[in-house]
Protein backbone atom coordinates (compact mmCIF):
# COMPACT_ATOMS: atom_id res chain seq x y z
CA UNK A 1 14.59 0.27 8.12
CA UNK A 2 12.21 0.87 5.24
CA UNK A 3 8.68 -0.46 5.14
CA UNK A 4 6.54 -1.00 2.05
CA UNK A 5 2.84 -1.19 2.94
CA UNK A 6 0.30 -3.05 0.81
CA UNK A 7 -2.82 -1.26 -0.30
CA UNK A 8 -5.65 -1.59 -2.81
CA UNK A 9 -5.92 0.75 -5.83
CA UNK A 10 -9.39 2.28 -5.68
CA UNK A 11 -9.01 5.10 -8.23
CA UNK A 12 -6.54 6.03 -10.98
CA UNK A 13 -5.95 9.54 -12.31
CA UNK A 14 -4.23 9.70 -15.71
CA UNK A 15 -5.07 13.37 -16.29
CA UNK A 16 -1.83 14.74 -14.88
CA UNK A 17 1.81 14.48 -15.92
CA UNK A 18 2.34 11.60 -13.49
CA UNK A 19 -0.06 8.65 -13.26
CA UNK A 20 -1.51 8.82 -9.73
CA UNK A 21 -3.87 6.64 -7.73
CA UNK A 22 -5.87 6.62 -4.55
CA UNK A 23 -4.77 3.66 -2.41
CA UNK A 24 -6.87 2.16 0.38
CA UNK A 25 -4.83 0.94 3.35
CA UNK A 26 -7.65 -0.76 5.27
CA UNK A 27 -9.81 2.34 5.50
CA UNK A 28 -7.12 5.00 5.24
CA UNK A 29 -6.85 6.41 1.73
CA UNK A 30 -3.68 8.06 0.46
CA UNK A 31 -2.40 9.12 -2.96
CA UNK A 32 0.53 7.35 -4.59
CA UNK A 33 2.38 7.52 -7.88
CA UNK A 34 1.86 4.60 -10.31
CA UNK A 35 4.56 5.55 -12.84
CA UNK A 36 6.60 2.45 -12.06
CA UNK A 37 3.58 0.17 -12.64
CA UNK A 38 1.98 1.08 -15.94
CA UNK A 39 0.05 -2.22 -15.88
CA UNK A 40 -1.65 -1.43 -12.56
CA UNK A 41 -5.44 -1.12 -12.58
CA UNK A 42 -8.25 -0.39 -10.17
CA UNK A 43 -8.74 -3.36 -7.82
CA UNK A 44 -5.05 -4.39 -7.86
CA UNK A 45 -2.99 -4.60 -4.66
CA UNK A 46 0.36 -2.94 -4.62
CA UNK A 47 3.25 -2.22 -2.25
CA UNK A 48 3.65 1.46 -1.52
CA UNK A 49 6.89 3.01 -0.27
CA UNK A 50 7.27 6.78 0.27
CA UNK A 51 4.39 7.53 -2.07
CA UNK A 52 5.39 5.24 -4.96
CA UNK A 53 3.77 1.97 -5.99
CA UNK A 54 6.68 -0.50 -6.38
CA UNK A 55 5.15 -3.85 -7.22
CA UNK A 56 1.83 -5.65 -7.61
CA UNK A 57 0.80 -8.54 -5.38
CA UNK A 58 -2.18 -10.81 -4.93
CA UNK A 59 -4.98 -10.05 -2.47
CA UNK A 60 -3.84 -13.06 -0.40
CA UNK A 61 -0.24 -11.74 -0.22
CA UNK A 62 -1.53 -8.28 0.75
CA UNK A 63 -3.72 -9.64 3.52
CA UNK A 64 -0.85 -11.74 4.94
CA UNK A 65 1.44 -8.70 4.94
CA UNK A 66 -1.16 -6.51 6.65
CA UNK A 67 -1.75 -9.22 9.28
CA UNK A 68 1.96 -9.32 10.04
CA UNK A 69 2.11 -5.51 10.33
CA UNK A 70 -0.84 -5.58 12.78
CA UNK A 71 0.94 -8.27 14.82
CA UNK A 72 4.04 -6.08 15.07
CA UNK A 73 1.97 -3.11 16.19
CA UNK A 74 0.16 -5.21 18.80
CA UNK A 75 3.47 -6.58 20.10
CA UNK A 76 4.90 -3.09 20.46
CA UNK A 77 1.75 -2.00 22.37
CA UNK A 78 2.04 -5.04 24.68
CA UNK A 79 5.74 -4.34 25.39
CA UNK A 80 5.17 -0.66 25.94
CA UNK A 81 7.85 1.99 25.93
CA UNK A 82 11.08 1.23 27.68
């Protein structure tokens, strides 16, 4: 199963061959490629999968997705390892 995680673009670097960005995933910052989203700008929310921004989404959609991911993590912790 593949999982795309929403994050907020906090910085864009156009100085290299590929357009890159720093993405904030609720306090964890990672770099991702923005080549597929030339319209993306600082402050936008995007879905990241294996280091590539795939689509833009609203802040509301991003928060809903993050809440669902947290619920899944909490459920796994409650169930424990089998």
